[in-house]
Amino acid sequence: MTPNPSSPPYHPDTKRPLAKGRSPTNRFSRDRARMSEPIEVVKFVCKDVWTLLFRKQCDNLKTNHRGVYVITDNTFKPLSRMSAERGVPGSVLVSAQPFLCFPSGVIRGALAGLGVSVTVQADTTGLPGATFQIKTVGAKP
């Protein structure tokens, strides 16, 4: 079901994705040394947790070294079978937004399980790519 652009914004259930993100993170990180820096935690999510969830590593991780990270996945599995209406501007973002809410919550849950409080904003400009902007709480832009 595609949300109607004139309807209120899509508000997903946030408890389930957070739990889904915490569970594998706790399981896979218990054999590792405790990660103290947020960049180490984000790298762990990009390499190990992303592979567990989507069967591939993310394509790119960028940071400004001030607490803002951008994860780019050019062939994001949940969006791989979607198509957008031609000639309708913004239809890609509107149709893909519900499919980006769950992975955003999973990323938040995984990082919260490792002790990093973040906000995650998901975006797409073209299918099947997705971009997740992660800001640690208290980050300076």
N, C-alpha and C. Protein backbone atom coordinates (compact mmCIF):
# COMPACT_ATOMS: atom_id res chain seq x y z
N MET A 1 0.84 -1.17 0.00
CA MET A 1 0.00 0.00 0.00
C MET A 1 0.89 1.24 0.00
N THR A 2 0.66 2.12 -0.93
CA THR A 2 1.42 3.35 -1.03
C THR A 2 0.67 4.47 -0.33
N PRO A 3 1.35 5.23 0.56
CA PRO A 3 0.64 6.30 1.24
C PRO A 3 0.27 7.41 0.28
N ASN A 4 -0.85 8.06 0.57
CA ASN A 4 -1.33 9.16 -0.23
C ASN A 4 -0.56 10.42 0.15
N PRO A 5 -0.01 11.18 -0.83
CA PRO A 5 0.75 12.38 -0.50
C PRO A 5 -0.05 13.42 0.26
N SER A 6 -1.37 13.41 0.11
CA SER A 6 -2.19 14.39 0.82
C SER A 6 -2.54 13.93 2.23
N SER A 7 -2.22 12.68 2.57
CA SER A 7 -2.51 12.16 3.91
C SER A 7 -1.43 12.61 4.88
N PRO A 8 -1.68 12.46 6.18
CA PRO A 8 -0.64 12.84 7.16
C PRO A 8 0.61 12.00 6.98
N PRO A 9 1.76 12.46 7.48
CA PRO A 9 3.01 11.70 7.32
C PRO A 9 2.91 10.30 7.90
N TYR A 10 3.67 9.41 7.32
CA TYR A 10 3.69 8.02 7.73
C TYR A 10 4.41 7.89 9.07
N HIS A 11 3.76 7.34 10.07
CA HIS A 11 4.35 7.15 11.39
C HIS A 11 4.40 5.66 11.70
N PRO A 12 5.57 5.05 11.58
CA PRO A 12 5.68 3.62 11.80
C PRO A 12 5.71 3.28 13.29
N ASP A 13 5.50 2.02 13.58
CA ASP A 13 5.69 1.51 14.92
C ASP A 13 7.19 1.51 15.20
N THR A 14 7.63 2.15 16.28
CA THR A 14 9.07 2.27 16.52
C THR A 14 9.61 1.22 17.46
N LYS A 15 8.79 0.51 18.19
CA LYS A 15 9.29 -0.45 19.16
C LYS A 15 9.87 -1.70 18.50
N ARG A 16 9.21 -2.20 17.47
CA ARG A 16 9.68 -3.43 16.83
C ARG A 16 11.03 -3.27 16.14
N PRO A 17 11.24 -2.21 15.33
CA PRO A 17 12.56 -2.09 14.70
C PRO A 17 13.68 -1.88 15.70
N LEU A 18 13.41 -1.15 16.78
CA LEU A 18 14.44 -0.95 17.79
C LEU A 18 14.84 -2.28 18.41
N ALA A 19 13.86 -3.12 18.71
CA ALA A 19 14.15 -4.44 19.28
C ALA A 19 14.89 -5.32 18.28
N LYS A 20 14.49 -5.25 17.01
CA LYS A 20 15.15 -6.04 15.97
C LYS A 20 16.60 -5.61 15.78
N GLY A 21 16.89 -4.35 15.99
CA GLY A 21 18.25 -3.86 15.87
C GLY A 21 19.11 -4.22 17.07
N ARG A 22 18.52 -4.19 18.25
CA ARG A 22 19.28 -4.50 19.47
C ARG A 22 19.64 -5.97 19.57
N SER A 23 18.73 -6.82 19.18
CA SER A 23 18.92 -8.26 19.37
C SER A 23 20.17 -8.80 18.67
N PRO A 24 20.33 -8.65 17.34
CA PRO A 24 21.53 -9.20 16.72
C PRO A 24 22.80 -8.48 17.14
N THR A 25 22.68 -7.20 17.45
CA THR A 25 23.85 -6.45 17.86
C THR A 25 24.40 -6.98 19.17
N ASN A 26 23.52 -7.23 20.11
CA ASN A 26 23.96 -7.78 21.39
C ASN A 26 24.57 -9.16 21.22
N ARG A 27 24.00 -9.96 20.34
CA ARG A 27 24.49 -11.31 20.12
C ARG A 27 25.86 -11.33 19.46
N PHE A 28 26.08 -10.49 18.45
CA PHE A 28 27.33 -10.51 17.70
C PHE A 28 28.44 -9.69 18.34
N SER A 29 28.09 -8.75 19.18
CA SER A 29 29.13 -7.91 19.76
C SER A 29 29.67 -8.46 21.08
N ARG A 30 29.05 -9.48 21.63
CA ARG A 30 29.52 -9.97 22.94
C ARG A 30 30.88 -10.66 22.86
N ASP A 31 31.28 -11.15 21.68
CA ASP A 31 32.58 -11.79 21.51
C ASP A 31 33.68 -10.80 21.16
N ARG A 32 33.34 -9.54 20.99
CA ARG A 32 34.30 -8.51 20.61
C ARG A 32 34.66 -7.65 21.82
N ALA A 33 35.77 -6.95 21.68
CA ALA A 33 36.14 -5.98 22.70
C ALA A 33 35.12 -4.84 22.67
N ARG A 34 34.88 -4.23 23.81
CA ARG A 34 33.91 -3.14 23.90
C ARG A 34 34.38 -1.96 23.04
N MET A 35 33.48 -1.48 22.18
CA MET A 35 33.80 -0.38 21.29
C MET A 35 33.54 0.93 22.02
N SER A 36 34.55 1.78 22.09
CA SER A 36 34.42 3.00 22.87
C SER A 36 34.06 4.22 22.03
N GLU A 37 34.48 4.25 20.79
CA GLU A 37 34.23 5.40 19.92
C GLU A 37 33.00 5.15 19.06
N PRO A 38 32.17 6.18 18.84
CA PRO A 38 30.99 6.01 17.98
C PRO A 38 31.33 5.58 16.56
N ILE A 39 32.47 6.01 16.02
CA ILE A 39 32.84 5.61 14.66
C ILE A 39 33.08 4.10 14.59
N GLU A 40 33.63 3.52 15.62
CA GLU A 40 33.83 2.07 15.66
C GLU A 40 32.49 1.34 15.66
N VAL A 41 31.54 1.88 16.40
CA VAL A 41 30.22 1.27 16.49
C VAL A 41 29.51 1.36 15.14
N VAL A 42 29.59 2.51 14.48
CA VAL A 42 28.94 2.68 13.18
C VAL A 42 29.59 1.76 12.14
N LYS A 43 30.90 1.60 12.18
CA LYS A 43 31.59 0.68 11.27
C LYS A 43 31.12 -0.75 11.50
N PHE A 44 30.96 -1.13 12.76
CA PHE A 44 30.47 -2.46 13.08
C PHE A 44 29.08 -2.67 12.49
N VAL A 45 28.22 -1.67 12.60
CA VAL A 45 26.87 -1.78 12.04
C VAL A 45 26.95 -1.89 10.52
N CYS A 46 27.81 -1.10 9.88
CA CYS A 46 27.92 -1.13 8.41
C CYS A 46 28.46 -2.45 7.89
N LYS A 47 29.38 -3.03 8.60
CA LYS A 47 29.99 -4.27 8.12
C LYS A 47 29.20 -5.50 8.55
N ASP A 48 29.04 -5.69 9.84
CA ASP A 48 28.49 -6.94 10.35
C ASP A 48 26.96 -6.96 10.40
N VAL A 49 26.36 -5.96 10.98
CA VAL A 49 24.90 -5.95 11.13
C VAL A 49 24.24 -5.79 9.77
N TRP A 50 24.76 -4.92 8.92
CA TRP A 50 24.20 -4.71 7.58
C TRP A 50 24.26 -6.01 6.78
N THR A 51 25.37 -6.73 6.88
CA THR A 51 25.51 -8.00 6.18
C THR A 51 24.50 -9.02 6.70
N LEU A 52 24.30 -9.05 8.00
CA LEU A 52 23.33 -9.96 8.58
C LEU A 52 21.91 -9.66 8.09
N LEU A 53 21.54 -8.40 8.03
CA LEU A 53 20.18 -8.02 7.67
C LEU A 53 19.92 -8.05 6.17
N PHE A 54 20.87 -7.55 5.37
CA PHE A 54 20.61 -7.37 3.94
C PHE A 54 21.50 -8.22 3.04
N ARG A 55 22.31 -9.09 3.63
CA ARG A 55 23.17 -10.03 2.90
C ARG A 55 24.20 -9.33 2.00
N LYS A 56 24.58 -8.14 2.37
CA LYS A 56 25.65 -7.41 1.70
C LYS A 56 26.07 -6.24 2.58
N GLN A 57 27.31 -5.79 2.42
CA GLN A 57 27.74 -4.61 3.17
C GLN A 57 27.21 -3.36 2.48
N CYS A 58 27.12 -2.28 3.24
CA CYS A 58 26.70 -1.03 2.63
C CYS A 58 27.80 -0.56 1.67
N ASP A 59 27.44 0.28 0.72
CA ASP A 59 28.39 0.69 -0.30
C ASP A 59 29.34 1.79 0.15
N ASN A 60 28.89 2.66 1.05
CA ASN A 60 29.72 3.80 1.41
C ASN A 60 29.35 4.29 2.80
N LEU A 61 30.36 4.69 3.55
CA LEU A 61 30.17 5.32 4.86
C LEU A 61 31.01 6.59 4.88
N LYS A 62 30.35 7.70 5.12
CA LYS A 62 31.05 8.98 5.21
C LYS A 62 30.78 9.59 6.57
N THR A 63 31.71 10.40 7.05
CA THR A 63 31.54 11.09 8.31
C THR A 63 32.18 12.48 8.22
N ASN A 64 31.68 13.38 9.06
CA ASN A 64 32.31 14.70 9.15
C ASN A 64 33.13 14.80 10.43
N HIS A 65 33.29 13.69 11.15
CA HIS A 65 34.05 13.60 12.40
C HIS A 65 33.49 14.51 13.48
N ARG A 66 32.24 14.89 13.37
CA ARG A 66 31.56 15.68 14.39
C ARG A 66 30.28 15.00 14.85
N GLY A 67 30.18 13.71 14.59
CA GLY A 67 29.01 12.97 15.03
C GLY A 67 27.95 12.76 13.98
N VAL A 68 28.23 13.08 12.72
CA VAL A 68 27.28 12.86 11.64
C VAL A 68 27.87 11.84 10.67
N TYR A 69 27.10 10.79 10.39
CA TYR A 69 27.53 9.71 9.51
C TYR A 69 26.49 9.54 8.41
N VAL A 70 26.93 9.21 7.21
CA VAL A 70 26.03 8.97 6.10
C VAL A 70 26.36 7.60 5.51
N ILE A 71 25.37 6.71 5.57
CA ILE A 71 25.50 5.37 5.00
C ILE A 71 24.77 5.37 3.67
N THR A 72 25.45 4.95 2.62
CA THR A 72 24.85 4.88 1.29
C THR A 72 24.84 3.43 0.82
N ASP A 73 23.69 3.01 0.34
CA ASP A 73 23.56 1.67 -0.24
C ASP A 73 22.90 1.85 -1.60
N ASN A 74 23.66 1.60 -2.66
CA ASN A 74 23.16 1.84 -4.01
C ASN A 74 22.18 0.79 -4.50
N THR A 75 22.21 -0.39 -3.92
CA THR A 75 21.25 -1.45 -4.26
C THR A 75 20.63 -1.97 -2.98
N PHE A 76 19.83 -1.14 -2.35
CA PHE A 76 19.21 -1.47 -1.08
C PHE A 76 18.12 -2.50 -1.30
N LYS A 77 18.27 -3.66 -0.68
CA LYS A 77 17.39 -4.81 -0.94
C LYS A 77 15.89 -4.51 -0.78
N PRO A 78 15.44 -3.83 0.29
CA PRO A 78 13.99 -3.58 0.40
C PRO A 78 13.42 -2.72 -0.73
N LEU A 79 14.25 -1.97 -1.43
CA LEU A 79 13.75 -1.12 -2.52
C LEU A 79 14.04 -1.71 -3.89
N SER A 80 14.65 -2.87 -3.96
CA SER A 80 15.11 -3.40 -5.25
C SER A 80 13.98 -3.78 -6.20
N ARG A 81 12.80 -4.07 -5.72
CA ARG A 81 11.70 -4.47 -6.60
C ARG A 81 10.65 -3.39 -6.76
N MET A 82 10.98 -2.18 -6.33
CA MET A 82 10.03 -1.08 -6.45
C MET A 82 10.22 -0.36 -7.78
N SER A 83 9.18 0.31 -8.22
CA SER A 83 9.27 1.19 -9.38
C SER A 83 8.50 2.46 -9.06
N ALA A 84 8.82 3.53 -9.75
CA ALA A 84 8.19 4.82 -9.50
C ALA A 84 7.36 5.22 -10.72
N GLU A 85 6.36 6.04 -10.47
CA GLU A 85 5.55 6.55 -11.57
C GLU A 85 6.35 7.56 -12.37
N ARG A 86 6.25 7.45 -13.66
CA ARG A 86 6.95 8.41 -14.52
C ARG A 86 6.14 9.70 -14.59
N GLY A 87 6.86 10.80 -14.59
CA GLY A 87 6.20 12.09 -14.75
C GLY A 87 5.61 12.65 -13.47
N VAL A 88 5.72 11.93 -12.37
CA VAL A 88 5.18 12.41 -11.09
C VAL A 88 6.37 12.76 -10.20
N PRO A 89 6.67 14.06 -10.04
CA PRO A 89 7.82 14.42 -9.21
C PRO A 89 7.60 14.06 -7.75
N GLY A 90 8.63 13.50 -7.14
CA GLY A 90 8.55 13.14 -5.73
C GLY A 90 7.88 11.81 -5.45
N SER A 91 7.46 11.10 -6.49
CA SER A 91 6.77 9.83 -6.25
C SER A 91 7.71 8.77 -5.69
N VAL A 92 9.00 8.88 -6.01
CA VAL A 92 9.97 7.91 -5.51
C VAL A 92 10.05 8.00 -3.99
N LEU A 93 10.22 9.20 -3.48
CA LEU A 93 10.34 9.38 -2.04
C LEU A 93 9.07 9.00 -1.31
N VAL A 94 7.92 9.37 -1.86
CA VAL A 94 6.65 9.07 -1.22
C VAL A 94 6.40 7.57 -1.17
N SER A 95 6.68 6.88 -2.27
CA SER A 95 6.42 5.44 -2.29
C SER A 95 7.46 4.64 -1.52
N ALA A 96 8.67 5.15 -1.40
CA ALA A 96 9.74 4.41 -0.71
C ALA A 96 9.79 4.68 0.78
N GLN A 97 9.22 5.78 1.25
CA GLN A 97 9.35 6.17 2.66
C GLN A 97 8.88 5.09 3.64
N PRO A 98 7.75 4.42 3.43
CA PRO A 98 7.36 3.37 4.39
C PRO A 98 8.36 2.22 4.46
N PHE A 99 9.08 1.96 3.36
CA PHE A 99 10.05 0.88 3.33
C PHE A 99 11.38 1.28 3.95
N LEU A 100 11.58 2.57 4.19
CA LEU A 100 12.81 3.06 4.80
C LEU A 100 12.67 3.25 6.31
N CYS A 101 11.44 3.27 6.81
CA CYS A 101 11.22 3.49 8.24
C CYS A 101 11.72 2.32 9.08
N PHE A 102 11.44 1.12 8.67
CA PHE A 102 11.87 -0.05 9.44
C PHE A 102 13.39 -0.16 9.51
N PRO A 103 14.12 -0.08 8.37
CA PRO A 103 15.59 -0.13 8.47
C PRO A 103 16.16 1.01 9.31
N SER A 104 15.54 2.18 9.26
CA SER A 104 16.00 3.30 10.10
C SER A 104 15.88 2.95 11.58
N GLY A 105 14.77 2.34 11.94
CA GLY A 105 14.58 1.91 13.33
C GLY A 105 15.55 0.82 13.74
N VAL A 106 15.85 -0.07 12.81
CA VAL A 106 16.81 -1.14 13.09
C VAL A 106 18.21 -0.55 13.33
N ILE A 107 18.59 0.43 12.53
CA ILE A 107 19.88 1.08 12.71
C ILE A 107 19.91 1.78 14.08
N ARG A 108 18.84 2.50 14.41
CA ARG A 108 18.76 3.16 15.72
C ARG A 108 18.86 2.16 16.85
N GLY A 109 18.17 1.03 16.71
CA GLY A 109 18.20 0.01 17.75
C GLY A 109 19.56 -0.64 17.89
N ALA A 110 20.22 -0.89 16.76
CA ALA A 110 21.55 -1.50 16.80
C ALA A 110 22.55 -0.58 17.49
N LEU A 111 22.50 0.69 17.15
CA LEU A 111 23.42 1.64 17.77
C LEU A 111 23.07 1.88 19.24
N ALA A 112 21.78 1.89 19.57
CA ALA A 112 21.38 2.06 20.96
C ALA A 112 21.81 0.86 21.79
N GLY A 113 21.76 -0.34 21.20
CA GLY A 113 22.21 -1.53 21.89
C GLY A 113 23.70 -1.51 22.21
N LEU A 114 24.44 -0.73 21.44
CA LEU A 114 25.88 -0.60 21.67
C LEU A 114 26.22 0.69 22.42
N GLY A 115 25.20 1.38 22.91
CA GLY A 115 25.43 2.54 23.76
C GLY A 115 25.58 3.87 23.06
N VAL A 116 25.14 3.99 21.80
CA VAL A 116 25.23 5.25 21.07
C VAL A 116 23.81 5.73 20.77
N SER A 117 23.43 6.88 21.30
CA SER A 117 22.11 7.45 21.04
C SER A 117 22.17 8.27 19.76
N VAL A 118 21.29 7.97 18.82
CA VAL A 118 21.32 8.63 17.52
C VAL A 118 19.91 8.95 17.04
N THR A 119 19.85 9.79 16.01
CA THR A 119 18.65 9.96 15.21
C THR A 119 19.02 9.54 13.79
N VAL A 120 18.09 8.89 13.12
CA VAL A 120 18.36 8.38 11.77
C VAL A 120 17.32 8.95 10.82
N GLN A 121 17.80 9.48 9.71
CA GLN A 121 16.93 10.02 8.68
C GLN A 121 17.22 9.28 7.39
N ALA A 122 16.21 8.66 6.81
CA ALA A 122 16.39 7.89 5.58
C ALA A 122 15.89 8.70 4.39
N ASP A 123 16.53 8.48 3.25
CA ASP A 123 16.20 9.24 2.05
C ASP A 123 16.53 8.40 0.84
N THR A 124 15.85 8.67 -0.26
CA THR A 124 16.19 8.05 -1.53
C THR A 124 15.94 9.06 -2.64
N THR A 125 16.81 9.08 -3.61
CA THR A 125 16.62 9.96 -4.76
C THR A 125 16.34 9.15 -6.01
N GLY A 126 16.78 7.92 -6.01
CA GLY A 126 16.53 7.04 -7.15
C GLY A 126 16.54 5.60 -6.68
N LEU A 127 15.64 4.82 -7.25
CA LEU A 127 15.54 3.43 -6.84
C LEU A 127 16.64 2.61 -7.49
N PRO A 128 17.18 1.62 -6.87
CA PRO A 128 16.92 1.10 -5.53
C PRO A 128 17.88 1.62 -4.47
N GLY A 129 18.44 2.79 -4.64
CA GLY A 129 19.41 3.33 -3.69
C GLY A 129 18.75 3.95 -2.47
N ALA A 130 19.48 3.93 -1.37
CA ALA A 130 18.99 4.54 -0.13
C ALA A 130 20.17 5.18 0.60
N THR A 131 19.87 6.26 1.30
CA THR A 131 20.87 6.97 2.08
C THR A 131 20.32 7.16 3.49
N PHE A 132 21.14 6.82 4.48
CA PHE A 132 20.75 6.96 5.88
C PHE A 132 21.70 7.95 6.54
N GLN A 133 21.15 9.06 7.03
CA GLN A 133 21.96 10.04 7.74
C GLN A 133 21.78 9.80 9.24
N ILE A 134 22.90 9.54 9.91
CA ILE A 134 22.90 9.21 11.33
C ILE A 134 23.56 10.36 12.07
N LYS A 135 22.83 10.92 13.04
CA LYS A 135 23.39 12.00 13.87
C LYS A 135 23.40 11.53 15.31
N THR A 136 24.57 11.57 15.91
CA THR A 136 24.64 11.23 17.33
C THR A 136 24.01 12.36 18.12
N VAL A 137 23.43 12.03 19.26
CA VAL A 137 22.79 13.03 20.09
C VAL A 137 23.86 13.99 20.59
N GLY A 138 23.65 15.27 20.36
CA GLY A 138 24.62 16.28 20.75
C GLY A 138 25.65 16.57 19.68
N ALA A 139 25.44 16.05 18.46
CA ALA A 139 26.40 16.30 17.38
C ALA A 139 26.29 17.72 16.87
N LYS A 140 27.41 18.28 16.49
CA LYS A 140 27.44 19.63 15.92
C LYS A 140 27.56 19.51 14.42
N PRO A 141 26.68 20.16 13.66
CA PRO A 141 26.71 20.03 12.20
C PRO A 141 27.89 20.63 11.53
